[in-house]
N, C-alpha and C. Protein backbone atom coordinates (compact mmCIF):
# COMPACT_ATOMS: atom_id res chain seq x y z
N MET A 1 94.59 119.45 -65.65
CA MET A 1 93.52 118.51 -65.98
C MET A 1 93.15 118.54 -67.45
N GLY A 2 93.61 119.60 -68.17
CA GLY A 2 93.26 119.70 -69.58
C GLY A 2 93.74 118.51 -70.37
N ALA A 3 94.98 118.05 -70.05
CA ALA A 3 95.53 116.91 -70.78
C ALA A 3 94.73 115.65 -70.51
N VAL A 4 94.26 115.51 -69.26
CA VAL A 4 93.47 114.33 -68.91
C VAL A 4 92.15 114.34 -69.65
N HIS A 5 91.49 115.51 -69.65
CA HIS A 5 90.20 115.61 -70.32
C HIS A 5 90.33 115.44 -71.82
N GLY A 6 91.54 115.65 -72.35
CA GLY A 6 91.75 115.49 -73.78
C GLY A 6 92.16 114.09 -74.19
N VAL A 7 92.11 113.14 -73.24
CA VAL A 7 92.53 111.76 -73.55
C VAL A 7 91.70 111.19 -74.70
N TYR A 8 90.43 111.55 -74.77
CA TYR A 8 89.58 111.00 -75.83
C TYR A 8 90.11 111.35 -77.21
N LEU A 9 90.88 112.46 -77.30
CA LEU A 9 91.43 112.86 -78.60
C LEU A 9 92.43 111.82 -79.11
N LYS A 10 93.03 111.06 -78.19
CA LYS A 10 93.94 109.98 -78.61
C LYS A 10 93.19 108.97 -79.44
N TYR A 11 91.96 108.67 -79.05
CA TYR A 11 91.16 107.70 -79.78
C TYR A 11 90.55 108.30 -81.05
N VAL A 12 90.30 109.61 -81.03
CA VAL A 12 89.91 110.29 -82.25
C VAL A 12 91.05 110.19 -83.27
N GLY A 13 92.27 110.43 -82.78
CA GLY A 13 93.44 110.33 -83.65
C GLY A 13 93.65 108.93 -84.20
N LEU A 14 93.49 107.92 -83.33
CA LEU A 14 93.62 106.53 -83.78
C LEU A 14 92.59 106.20 -84.84
N SER A 15 91.37 106.69 -84.63
CA SER A 15 90.30 106.47 -85.60
C SER A 15 90.64 107.11 -86.94
N ALA A 16 91.13 108.35 -86.89
CA ALA A 16 91.45 109.08 -88.12
C ALA A 16 92.61 108.43 -88.88
N ILE A 17 93.65 108.03 -88.14
CA ILE A 17 94.80 107.39 -88.78
C ILE A 17 94.40 106.04 -89.39
N SER A 18 93.57 105.29 -88.65
CA SER A 18 93.11 103.99 -89.16
C SER A 18 92.28 104.17 -90.42
N TYR A 19 91.43 105.19 -90.43
CA TYR A 19 90.60 105.43 -91.61
C TYR A 19 91.45 105.85 -92.79
N ALA A 20 92.47 106.66 -92.53
CA ALA A 20 93.37 107.07 -93.61
C ALA A 20 94.09 105.86 -94.20
N GLY A 21 94.53 104.95 -93.30
CA GLY A 21 95.18 103.73 -93.77
C GLY A 21 94.23 102.86 -94.58
N TYR A 22 92.99 102.74 -94.10
CA TYR A 22 91.98 101.96 -94.83
C TYR A 22 91.72 102.55 -96.21
N THR A 23 91.57 103.86 -96.28
CA THR A 23 91.32 104.53 -97.56
C THR A 23 92.45 104.29 -98.54
N TYR A 24 93.69 104.35 -98.03
CA TYR A 24 94.85 104.10 -98.90
C TYR A 24 94.84 102.67 -99.42
N MET A 25 94.54 101.73 -98.52
CA MET A 25 94.56 100.32 -98.90
C MET A 25 93.55 99.99 -99.99
N VAL A 26 92.37 100.57 -99.91
CA VAL A 26 91.32 100.21 -100.87
C VAL A 26 91.31 101.12 -102.09
N ALA A 27 92.15 102.16 -102.07
CA ALA A 27 92.15 103.11 -103.19
C ALA A 27 93.22 102.81 -104.23
N SER A 28 94.07 101.84 -103.96
CA SER A 28 95.14 101.53 -104.90
C SER A 28 95.48 100.06 -104.83
N GLY A 29 96.12 99.56 -105.88
CA GLY A 29 96.56 98.18 -105.91
C GLY A 29 95.55 97.24 -106.54
N GLU A 30 95.96 95.98 -106.63
CA GLU A 30 95.14 94.96 -107.29
C GLU A 30 93.81 94.76 -106.60
N ALA A 31 93.81 94.78 -105.26
CA ALA A 31 92.57 94.57 -104.53
C ALA A 31 91.54 95.63 -104.88
N ALA A 32 91.99 96.87 -104.99
CA ALA A 32 91.07 97.96 -105.32
C ALA A 32 90.51 97.78 -106.73
N ASP A 33 91.37 97.38 -107.67
CA ASP A 33 90.92 97.18 -109.05
C ASP A 33 89.86 96.10 -109.13
N ILE A 34 90.03 95.03 -108.36
CA ILE A 34 89.08 93.92 -108.41
C ILE A 34 87.78 94.30 -107.72
N LEU A 35 87.89 95.02 -106.60
CA LEU A 35 86.70 95.34 -105.82
C LEU A 35 85.73 96.27 -106.54
N VAL A 36 86.23 97.08 -107.46
CA VAL A 36 85.34 97.99 -108.18
C VAL A 36 84.66 97.31 -109.36
N THR A 37 85.04 96.08 -109.67
CA THR A 37 84.38 95.35 -110.75
C THR A 37 83.11 94.70 -110.23
N SER A 38 82.29 94.23 -111.15
CA SER A 38 81.05 93.55 -110.77
C SER A 38 81.39 92.27 -110.01
N GLY A 39 80.74 92.06 -108.87
CA GLY A 39 81.04 90.88 -108.04
C GLY A 39 82.45 90.90 -107.52
N GLY A 40 82.93 92.09 -107.16
CA GLY A 40 84.34 92.29 -106.80
C GLY A 40 84.85 91.38 -105.70
N PHE A 41 84.13 91.31 -104.56
CA PHE A 41 84.63 90.51 -103.43
C PHE A 41 84.68 89.03 -103.79
N ARG A 42 83.66 88.54 -104.52
CA ARG A 42 83.67 87.14 -104.95
C ARG A 42 84.82 86.88 -105.91
N THR A 43 85.09 87.87 -106.76
CA THR A 43 86.21 87.74 -107.69
C THR A 43 87.53 87.67 -106.95
N LEU A 44 87.67 88.51 -105.91
CA LEU A 44 88.90 88.52 -105.13
C LEU A 44 89.12 87.19 -104.43
N LEU A 45 88.06 86.62 -103.86
CA LEU A 45 88.18 85.32 -103.21
C LEU A 45 88.51 84.23 -104.21
N ALA A 46 87.95 84.36 -105.42
CA ALA A 46 88.21 83.36 -106.46
C ALA A 46 89.68 83.37 -106.87
N THR A 47 90.30 84.55 -106.85
CA THR A 47 91.71 84.63 -107.22
C THR A 47 92.61 83.98 -106.18
N ALA A 48 92.10 83.84 -104.96
CA ALA A 48 92.89 83.23 -103.88
C ALA A 48 92.66 81.73 -103.77
N THR A 49 91.63 81.22 -104.46
CA THR A 49 91.31 79.80 -104.39
C THR A 49 92.08 79.04 -105.44
N THR A 50 92.73 77.96 -105.01
CA THR A 50 93.51 77.15 -105.94
C THR A 50 92.98 75.72 -105.94
N ASN A 51 93.09 75.08 -107.08
CA ASN A 51 92.70 73.68 -107.22
C ASN A 51 93.94 72.85 -107.53
N GLY A 52 94.25 71.92 -106.66
CA GLY A 52 95.43 71.09 -106.87
C GLY A 52 95.12 69.63 -106.65
N ALA A 53 96.18 68.82 -106.63
CA ALA A 53 96.01 67.38 -106.46
C ALA A 53 95.42 67.04 -105.10
N ASN A 54 95.67 67.92 -104.12
CA ASN A 54 95.16 67.66 -102.77
C ASN A 54 93.81 68.33 -102.51
N GLY A 55 93.18 68.80 -103.58
CA GLY A 55 91.87 69.42 -103.44
C GLY A 55 91.95 70.93 -103.48
N VAL A 56 90.89 71.56 -103.00
CA VAL A 56 90.81 73.02 -103.05
C VAL A 56 91.66 73.62 -101.93
N GLY A 57 92.46 74.61 -102.29
CA GLY A 57 93.31 75.28 -101.32
C GLY A 57 93.05 76.77 -101.32
N PHE A 58 93.79 77.48 -100.45
CA PHE A 58 93.62 78.92 -100.35
C PHE A 58 94.98 79.57 -100.30
N GLU A 59 95.22 80.49 -101.21
CA GLU A 59 96.52 81.15 -101.31
C GLU A 59 96.40 82.58 -100.83
N LEU A 60 97.28 82.96 -99.92
CA LEU A 60 97.28 84.33 -99.40
C LEU A 60 98.03 85.23 -100.38
N SER A 61 97.33 85.70 -101.37
CA SER A 61 97.92 86.60 -102.36
C SER A 61 98.09 87.98 -101.75
N PRO A 62 98.95 88.83 -102.34
CA PRO A 62 99.09 90.20 -101.84
C PRO A 62 97.76 90.95 -101.79
N ALA A 63 96.88 90.69 -102.76
CA ALA A 63 95.59 91.37 -102.78
C ALA A 63 94.74 90.97 -101.58
N ILE A 64 94.75 89.68 -101.23
CA ILE A 64 94.00 89.20 -100.07
C ILE A 64 94.57 89.79 -98.78
N MET A 65 95.89 89.81 -98.65
CA MET A 65 96.52 90.37 -97.44
C MET A 65 96.23 91.86 -97.32
N ARG A 66 96.22 92.53 -98.46
CA ARG A 66 95.91 93.96 -98.46
C ARG A 66 94.47 94.20 -98.01
N LEU A 67 93.58 93.35 -98.49
CA LEU A 67 92.17 93.46 -98.10
C LEU A 67 92.01 93.17 -96.61
N GLY A 68 92.76 92.18 -96.10
CA GLY A 68 92.71 91.86 -94.68
C GLY A 68 93.17 93.03 -93.83
N ALA A 69 94.27 93.67 -94.26
CA ALA A 69 94.77 94.84 -93.53
C ALA A 69 93.76 95.98 -93.57
N ALA A 70 93.13 96.15 -94.73
CA ALA A 70 92.12 97.21 -94.88
C ALA A 70 90.93 96.96 -93.96
N THR A 71 90.54 95.70 -93.83
CA THR A 71 89.41 95.34 -92.97
C THR A 71 89.73 95.66 -91.51
N ILE A 72 90.95 95.33 -91.07
CA ILE A 72 91.36 95.61 -89.69
C ILE A 72 91.40 97.12 -89.44
N LEU A 73 91.93 97.87 -90.40
CA LEU A 73 92.02 99.32 -90.25
C LEU A 73 90.63 99.96 -90.21
N LYS A 74 89.71 99.44 -91.02
CA LYS A 74 88.35 99.98 -90.99
C LYS A 74 87.69 99.69 -89.65
N TYR A 75 87.89 98.49 -89.13
CA TYR A 75 87.33 98.14 -87.82
C TYR A 75 87.93 99.02 -86.73
N SER A 76 89.25 99.26 -86.81
CA SER A 76 89.92 100.12 -85.83
C SER A 76 89.35 101.53 -85.89
N ALA A 77 89.12 102.04 -87.09
CA ALA A 77 88.56 103.39 -87.24
C ALA A 77 87.18 103.48 -86.60
N MET A 78 86.35 102.47 -86.85
CA MET A 78 84.99 102.48 -86.30
C MET A 78 85.00 102.32 -84.79
N LEU A 79 85.81 101.37 -84.28
CA LEU A 79 85.83 101.07 -82.84
C LEU A 79 86.37 102.25 -82.04
N ASN A 80 87.52 102.78 -82.44
CA ASN A 80 88.12 103.87 -81.68
C ASN A 80 87.29 105.15 -81.79
N GLY A 81 86.65 105.36 -82.95
CA GLY A 81 85.75 106.50 -83.07
C GLY A 81 84.56 106.36 -82.14
N PHE A 82 84.03 105.15 -82.04
CA PHE A 82 82.89 104.89 -81.16
C PHE A 82 83.28 105.08 -79.70
N ILE A 83 84.47 104.60 -79.32
CA ILE A 83 84.94 104.74 -77.94
C ILE A 83 85.17 106.22 -77.60
N ALA A 84 85.71 106.98 -78.54
CA ALA A 84 85.87 108.43 -78.31
C ALA A 84 84.51 109.09 -78.08
N PHE A 85 83.51 108.62 -78.82
CA PHE A 85 82.14 109.14 -78.65
C PHE A 85 81.61 108.80 -77.26
N LEU A 86 81.88 107.58 -76.79
CA LEU A 86 81.45 107.17 -75.45
C LEU A 86 82.17 107.99 -74.37
N PHE A 87 83.45 108.34 -74.61
CA PHE A 87 84.19 109.21 -73.69
C PHE A 87 83.41 110.50 -73.47
N LYS A 88 82.99 111.12 -74.57
CA LYS A 88 82.30 112.41 -74.48
C LYS A 88 80.94 112.28 -73.79
N LEU A 89 80.27 111.13 -74.02
CA LEU A 89 78.97 110.92 -73.39
C LEU A 89 79.12 110.46 -71.94
N GLU A 90 80.34 110.04 -71.56
CA GLU A 90 80.63 109.55 -70.20
C GLU A 90 79.81 108.31 -69.86
N VAL A 91 79.68 107.42 -70.84
CA VAL A 91 78.93 106.17 -70.65
C VAL A 91 79.71 105.03 -71.31
N GLY A 92 79.21 103.80 -71.10
CA GLY A 92 79.72 102.65 -71.84
C GLY A 92 80.93 101.97 -71.26
N MET A 93 81.32 102.30 -70.03
CA MET A 93 82.53 101.70 -69.45
C MET A 93 82.42 100.18 -69.32
N GLY A 94 81.20 99.68 -69.17
CA GLY A 94 81.02 98.24 -68.97
C GLY A 94 81.25 97.41 -70.20
N MET A 95 81.32 98.03 -71.39
CA MET A 95 81.47 97.26 -72.61
C MET A 95 82.81 96.52 -72.68
N ILE A 96 83.80 97.01 -71.94
CA ILE A 96 85.13 96.38 -71.96
C ILE A 96 85.11 95.06 -71.21
N GLY A 97 84.16 94.89 -70.28
CA GLY A 97 83.99 93.60 -69.62
C GLY A 97 84.88 93.37 -68.41
N LYS A 98 85.45 94.41 -67.83
CA LYS A 98 86.34 94.24 -66.68
C LYS A 98 85.56 93.68 -65.49
N ASN A 99 86.15 92.68 -64.85
CA ASN A 99 85.49 92.00 -63.74
C ASN A 99 85.55 92.87 -62.48
N SER A 100 84.41 93.12 -61.87
CA SER A 100 84.34 94.01 -60.71
C SER A 100 84.88 93.39 -59.44
N GLU A 101 85.09 92.07 -59.43
CA GLU A 101 85.61 91.40 -58.23
C GLU A 101 87.10 91.11 -58.33
N THR A 102 87.56 90.73 -59.51
CA THR A 102 88.98 90.38 -59.68
C THR A 102 89.80 91.49 -60.34
N GLY A 103 89.12 92.45 -60.97
CA GLY A 103 89.83 93.52 -61.65
C GLY A 103 90.49 93.09 -62.95
N GLN A 104 90.16 91.90 -63.43
CA GLN A 104 90.80 91.38 -64.65
C GLN A 104 89.92 91.62 -65.88
N ILE A 105 90.57 91.69 -67.02
CA ILE A 105 89.88 91.87 -68.29
C ILE A 105 89.85 90.53 -69.00
N PRO A 106 88.68 90.06 -69.43
CA PRO A 106 88.57 88.73 -70.04
C PRO A 106 89.24 88.67 -71.41
N LEU A 107 89.61 87.46 -71.80
CA LEU A 107 90.29 87.25 -73.08
C LEU A 107 89.43 87.73 -74.24
N TRP A 108 88.10 87.50 -74.15
CA TRP A 108 87.24 87.90 -75.27
C TRP A 108 87.31 89.39 -75.53
N SER A 109 87.54 90.18 -74.46
CA SER A 109 87.63 91.62 -74.63
C SER A 109 88.89 92.00 -75.39
N TYR A 110 90.02 91.35 -75.04
CA TYR A 110 91.26 91.61 -75.77
C TYR A 110 91.14 91.23 -77.24
N LEU A 111 90.45 90.14 -77.51
CA LEU A 111 90.29 89.69 -78.90
C LEU A 111 89.32 90.58 -79.66
N LEU A 112 88.20 90.90 -79.05
CA LEU A 112 87.17 91.68 -79.73
C LEU A 112 87.57 93.15 -79.90
N TYR A 113 88.22 93.69 -78.90
CA TYR A 113 88.56 95.11 -78.92
C TYR A 113 90.06 95.36 -79.06
N PHE A 114 90.76 94.48 -79.77
CA PHE A 114 92.23 94.61 -79.86
C PHE A 114 92.68 95.95 -80.44
N PRO A 115 91.95 96.59 -81.36
CA PRO A 115 92.42 97.90 -81.84
C PRO A 115 92.36 98.98 -80.76
N PHE A 116 91.60 98.74 -79.70
CA PHE A 116 91.55 99.66 -78.56
C PHE A 116 92.60 99.28 -77.51
N HIS A 117 92.68 98.00 -77.18
CA HIS A 117 93.58 97.55 -76.12
C HIS A 117 95.05 97.72 -76.49
N LEU A 118 95.42 97.28 -77.68
CA LEU A 118 96.85 97.26 -78.06
C LEU A 118 97.48 98.64 -78.00
N PRO A 119 96.89 99.68 -78.62
CA PRO A 119 97.51 101.01 -78.50
C PRO A 119 97.55 101.52 -77.07
N SER A 120 96.52 101.21 -76.27
CA SER A 120 96.49 101.67 -74.88
C SER A 120 97.63 101.05 -74.08
N ILE A 121 97.85 99.76 -74.26
CA ILE A 121 98.93 99.06 -73.55
C ILE A 121 100.29 99.59 -73.98
N LEU A 122 100.50 99.72 -75.29
CA LEU A 122 101.79 100.19 -75.79
C LEU A 122 102.07 101.62 -75.34
N TYR A 123 101.07 102.48 -75.45
CA TYR A 123 101.22 103.89 -75.07
C TYR A 123 101.62 104.02 -73.60
N THR A 124 100.93 103.27 -72.73
CA THR A 124 101.20 103.35 -71.30
C THR A 124 102.56 102.76 -70.95
N ARG A 125 102.92 101.64 -71.60
CA ARG A 125 104.21 101.01 -71.33
C ARG A 125 105.36 101.90 -71.76
N ILE A 126 105.23 102.54 -72.91
CA ILE A 126 106.29 103.43 -73.41
C ILE A 126 106.47 104.61 -72.46
N HIS A 127 105.37 105.21 -72.02
CA HIS A 127 105.47 106.35 -71.12
C HIS A 127 106.00 105.94 -69.75
N ALA A 128 105.65 104.75 -69.29
CA ALA A 128 106.18 104.27 -68.01
C ALA A 128 107.70 104.07 -68.09
N ASN A 129 108.16 103.54 -69.20
CA ASN A 129 109.61 103.34 -69.39
C ASN A 129 110.33 104.68 -69.47
N LYS A 130 109.71 105.66 -70.14
CA LYS A 130 110.33 106.99 -70.23
C LYS A 130 110.41 107.64 -68.85
N ASP A 131 109.36 107.46 -68.05
CA ASP A 131 109.35 108.04 -66.70
C ASP A 131 110.47 107.46 -65.84
N LYS A 132 110.77 106.18 -66.03
CA LYS A 132 111.82 105.53 -65.24
C LYS A 132 113.21 106.05 -65.60
N LYS A 133 113.35 106.56 -66.84
CA LYS A 133 114.66 107.01 -67.30
C LYS A 133 114.91 108.49 -67.02
N LYS A 134 113.89 109.20 -66.56
CA LYS A 134 114.07 110.62 -66.26
C LYS A 134 114.96 110.80 -65.05
N ASN A 135 115.66 111.95 -65.01
CA ASN A 135 116.55 112.24 -63.89
C ASN A 135 115.76 112.25 -62.58
N GLY A 136 114.64 112.97 -62.58
CA GLY A 136 113.75 112.93 -61.43
C GLY A 136 112.73 111.83 -61.67
N LYS A 137 113.08 110.62 -61.32
CA LYS A 137 112.26 109.45 -61.63
C LYS A 137 110.82 109.63 -61.15
N VAL A 138 109.88 109.39 -62.06
CA VAL A 138 108.47 109.51 -61.72
C VAL A 138 108.03 108.22 -61.03
N PRO A 139 107.54 108.30 -59.79
CA PRO A 139 107.16 107.06 -59.08
C PRO A 139 105.90 106.44 -59.67
N VAL A 140 105.77 105.13 -59.52
CA VAL A 140 104.57 104.43 -60.00
C VAL A 140 103.38 104.73 -59.11
N ALA A 141 103.65 105.18 -57.87
CA ALA A 141 102.60 105.62 -56.95
C ALA A 141 103.23 106.59 -55.96
N SER A 142 102.47 107.61 -55.59
CA SER A 142 102.98 108.64 -54.68
C SER A 142 102.16 108.66 -53.39
N GLU A 143 102.85 108.77 -52.27
CA GLU A 143 102.17 108.88 -50.98
C GLU A 143 101.79 110.34 -50.77
N VAL A 144 100.51 110.65 -50.89
CA VAL A 144 100.05 112.03 -50.81
C VAL A 144 99.74 112.46 -49.37
N GLN A 145 99.43 111.48 -48.54
CA GLN A 145 99.26 111.65 -47.10
C GLN A 145 99.74 110.35 -46.47
N PRO A 146 100.15 110.37 -45.20
CA PRO A 146 100.63 109.12 -44.60
C PRO A 146 99.62 107.98 -44.76
N GLY A 147 100.04 106.95 -45.49
CA GLY A 147 99.21 105.78 -45.69
C GLY A 147 98.23 105.88 -46.84
N TRP A 148 98.23 107.03 -47.54
CA TRP A 148 97.31 107.23 -48.67
C TRP A 148 98.13 107.45 -49.94
N TYR A 149 97.87 106.63 -50.95
CA TYR A 149 98.66 106.67 -52.19
C TYR A 149 97.76 106.93 -53.40
N VAL A 150 98.36 107.61 -54.38
CA VAL A 150 97.73 107.76 -55.70
C VAL A 150 98.73 107.21 -56.71
N GLY A 151 98.30 106.24 -57.50
CA GLY A 151 99.23 105.60 -58.43
C GLY A 151 98.57 105.20 -59.73
N GLY A 152 99.36 104.57 -60.57
CA GLY A 152 98.89 104.13 -61.88
C GLY A 152 98.82 102.62 -61.98
N THR A 153 98.76 102.16 -63.21
CA THR A 153 98.57 100.73 -63.45
C THR A 153 99.75 99.88 -63.02
N TYR A 154 100.93 100.50 -62.85
CA TYR A 154 102.11 99.74 -62.45
C TYR A 154 102.44 99.93 -60.97
N SER A 155 101.44 100.28 -60.16
CA SER A 155 101.66 100.47 -58.72
C SER A 155 102.11 99.18 -58.04
N ASN A 156 101.86 98.04 -58.67
CA ASN A 156 102.31 96.76 -58.11
C ASN A 156 103.82 96.70 -57.96
N GLU A 157 104.55 97.53 -58.71
CA GLU A 157 106.01 97.52 -58.65
C GLU A 157 106.54 98.02 -57.30
N LEU A 158 105.66 98.63 -56.50
CA LEU A 158 106.07 99.03 -55.13
C LEU A 158 106.20 97.81 -54.23
N LYS A 159 105.55 96.72 -54.63
CA LYS A 159 105.58 95.46 -53.87
C LYS A 159 105.09 95.67 -52.43
N LYS A 160 103.99 96.43 -52.29
CA LYS A 160 103.39 96.67 -50.99
C LYS A 160 102.18 95.77 -50.77
N GLU A 161 101.87 95.56 -49.51
CA GLU A 161 100.61 94.95 -49.13
C GLU A 161 99.64 96.08 -48.82
N TRP A 162 98.47 96.04 -49.44
CA TRP A 162 97.52 97.13 -49.32
C TRP A 162 96.32 96.74 -48.46
N GLY A 163 95.82 97.74 -47.72
CA GLY A 163 94.58 97.52 -47.01
C GLY A 163 93.39 97.56 -47.97
N GLY A 164 93.53 98.37 -49.00
CA GLY A 164 92.49 98.46 -50.01
C GLY A 164 92.99 99.15 -51.27
N VAL A 165 92.39 98.80 -52.39
CA VAL A 165 92.72 99.42 -53.68
C VAL A 165 91.44 99.86 -54.34
N ILE A 166 91.41 101.13 -54.76
CA ILE A 166 90.30 101.64 -55.56
C ILE A 166 90.79 101.76 -56.99
N ASP A 167 90.21 101.01 -57.87
CA ASP A 167 90.63 100.92 -59.27
C ASP A 167 89.70 101.79 -60.13
N LEU A 168 90.27 102.81 -60.77
CA LEU A 168 89.47 103.72 -61.58
C LEU A 168 89.58 103.44 -63.08
N THR A 169 90.32 102.41 -63.46
CA THR A 169 90.57 102.18 -64.88
C THR A 169 89.56 101.24 -65.52
N VAL A 170 89.37 101.43 -66.80
CA VAL A 170 88.53 100.55 -67.62
C VAL A 170 89.37 99.56 -68.39
N GLU A 171 90.51 100.04 -68.92
CA GLU A 171 91.25 99.30 -69.93
C GLU A 171 92.42 98.48 -69.42
N PHE A 172 92.74 98.57 -68.11
CA PHE A 172 93.89 97.85 -67.58
C PHE A 172 93.48 96.88 -66.47
N PRO A 173 94.10 95.72 -66.41
CA PRO A 173 93.82 94.79 -65.31
C PRO A 173 94.45 95.32 -64.03
N GLU A 174 93.86 94.96 -62.90
CA GLU A 174 94.40 95.39 -61.61
C GLU A 174 95.54 94.45 -61.21
N ARG A 175 96.75 94.99 -61.17
CA ARG A 175 97.93 94.17 -60.87
C ARG A 175 98.20 94.01 -59.38
N CYS A 176 97.48 94.77 -58.55
CA CYS A 176 97.66 94.66 -57.10
C CYS A 176 96.62 93.75 -56.46
N ILE A 177 95.84 93.05 -57.25
CA ILE A 177 94.71 92.30 -56.71
C ILE A 177 95.15 91.22 -55.73
N ASP A 178 96.35 90.68 -55.92
CA ASP A 178 96.83 89.61 -55.04
C ASP A 178 97.55 90.14 -53.81
N SER A 179 97.68 91.46 -53.72
CA SER A 179 98.39 92.03 -52.57
C SER A 179 97.53 93.06 -51.83
N THR A 180 96.20 92.93 -51.96
CA THR A 180 95.31 93.84 -51.26
C THR A 180 94.23 93.06 -50.50
N LYS A 181 93.87 93.59 -49.35
CA LYS A 181 92.85 92.91 -48.52
C LYS A 181 91.43 93.21 -49.02
N SER A 182 91.26 94.31 -49.73
CA SER A 182 89.94 94.64 -50.28
C SER A 182 90.12 95.41 -51.58
N TYR A 183 89.11 95.33 -52.43
CA TYR A 183 89.21 95.90 -53.77
C TYR A 183 87.88 96.48 -54.20
N LEU A 184 87.93 97.68 -54.79
CA LEU A 184 86.73 98.31 -55.33
C LEU A 184 87.00 98.80 -56.74
N LEU A 185 86.19 98.36 -57.68
CA LEU A 185 86.29 98.84 -59.06
C LEU A 185 85.30 99.98 -59.24
N CYS A 186 85.84 101.12 -59.61
CA CYS A 186 85.02 102.30 -59.93
C CYS A 186 85.44 102.75 -61.32
N ALA A 187 85.09 101.94 -62.31
CA ALA A 187 85.64 102.09 -63.67
C ALA A 187 85.15 103.37 -64.34
N THR A 188 86.11 104.13 -64.87
CA THR A 188 85.79 105.34 -65.63
C THR A 188 86.75 105.44 -66.81
N TRP A 189 86.27 106.03 -67.89
CA TRP A 189 87.19 106.40 -68.96
C TRP A 189 88.13 107.47 -68.43
N ASP A 190 89.35 107.55 -68.96
CA ASP A 190 90.30 108.57 -68.51
C ASP A 190 89.70 109.97 -68.66
N GLY A 191 89.75 110.75 -67.58
CA GLY A 191 89.25 112.11 -67.63
C GLY A 191 87.77 112.23 -67.39
N VAL A 192 87.07 111.11 -67.23
CA VAL A 192 85.63 111.14 -66.97
C VAL A 192 85.41 110.93 -65.47
N PRO A 193 84.82 111.87 -64.78
CA PRO A 193 84.63 111.72 -63.33
C PRO A 193 83.58 110.67 -63.01
N ALA A 194 83.77 110.03 -61.89
CA ALA A 194 82.75 109.10 -61.40
C ALA A 194 81.54 109.89 -60.90
N SER A 195 80.41 109.22 -60.84
CA SER A 195 79.19 109.87 -60.36
C SER A 195 79.32 110.18 -58.87
N PRO A 196 78.55 111.15 -58.36
CA PRO A 196 78.61 111.45 -56.91
C PRO A 196 78.35 110.22 -56.05
N GLU A 197 77.44 109.36 -56.50
CA GLU A 197 77.14 108.15 -55.74
C GLU A 197 78.34 107.21 -55.67
N ARG A 198 79.02 107.07 -56.80
CA ARG A 198 80.20 106.20 -56.83
C ARG A 198 81.34 106.81 -56.02
N LEU A 199 81.47 108.13 -56.04
CA LEU A 199 82.51 108.78 -55.26
C LEU A 199 82.26 108.59 -53.76
N GLU A 200 81.00 108.68 -53.36
CA GLU A 200 80.66 108.45 -51.95
C GLU A 200 80.96 107.01 -51.56
N GLU A 201 80.61 106.07 -52.46
CA GLU A 201 80.91 104.66 -52.20
C GLU A 201 82.40 104.43 -52.05
N ALA A 202 83.20 105.08 -52.92
CA ALA A 202 84.65 104.93 -52.86
C ALA A 202 85.21 105.53 -51.58
N ALA A 203 84.65 106.65 -51.15
CA ALA A 203 85.12 107.29 -49.92
C ALA A 203 84.86 106.41 -48.70
N ILE A 204 83.67 105.85 -48.63
CA ILE A 204 83.33 104.95 -47.50
C ILE A 204 84.23 103.72 -47.52
N PHE A 205 84.44 103.17 -48.74
CA PHE A 205 85.32 102.01 -48.89
C PHE A 205 86.73 102.34 -48.40
N ALA A 206 87.25 103.51 -48.81
CA ALA A 206 88.62 103.90 -48.45
C ALA A 206 88.80 104.02 -46.95
N VAL A 207 87.82 104.61 -46.28
CA VAL A 207 87.89 104.77 -44.83
C VAL A 207 87.95 103.42 -44.13
N GLU A 208 87.12 102.50 -44.59
CA GLU A 208 87.12 101.15 -43.99
C GLU A 208 88.40 100.39 -44.31
N ALA A 209 88.86 100.53 -45.57
CA ALA A 209 90.08 99.82 -45.99
C ALA A 209 91.31 100.32 -45.24
N LYS A 210 91.30 101.62 -44.88
CA LYS A 210 92.47 102.20 -44.19
C LYS A 210 92.69 101.55 -42.84
N LYS A 211 91.66 100.98 -42.27
CA LYS A 211 91.80 100.29 -40.99
C LYS A 211 92.64 99.02 -41.13
N LYS A 212 92.73 98.50 -42.37
CA LYS A 212 93.47 97.26 -42.63
C LYS A 212 94.91 97.52 -43.13
N GLY A 213 95.17 98.77 -43.53
CA GLY A 213 96.50 99.06 -44.06
C GLY A 213 96.45 100.26 -44.99
N ASP A 214 97.55 100.47 -45.71
CA ASP A 214 97.63 101.58 -46.64
C ASP A 214 96.64 101.41 -47.79
N VAL A 215 96.19 102.55 -48.32
CA VAL A 215 95.20 102.54 -49.40
C VAL A 215 95.78 103.29 -50.60
């Protein structure tokens, strides 16, 4: 369980790497030279504005692109650092906006929190592909007792019809939603346990769902 409880360190690392990238971007190059002058940001925008026969235009100079990259990296550092902080406090799961009825994540969440979503998706996809290539192939879901399964975000690859699905994830959409008779979202950050009340709710749900099929 140590590795699971240390998941938040992944976001600490993302925050640190993003901040290092931001610091590098703003500490060297033309953009940095302009930004330290009086009215630096206005000066930088002025260098990207062009006047031509067709009116005022905007040119994506290397300095502007560098500043754009720096802005994204700074946002990534702040967002992932904040999410790591929420991991430790064991709160804030609702900020991602996952729908409790459909298990889907809205588009606005992907757009607003892309520095969080993109690494999570890539990291999980890469590890899933590695698991498939191992000699002892790691299953997407394991039957721990007859009719009772524990699986991950790619459990849909079993192509089973489920009596019920209990979804513990915050950052991934539920891919089995169209093949289950009932669904319960009990969203938690990785390594953060659900409250006793939520665990009791999940247990009652599982017992009832088992009457309809595998869970």
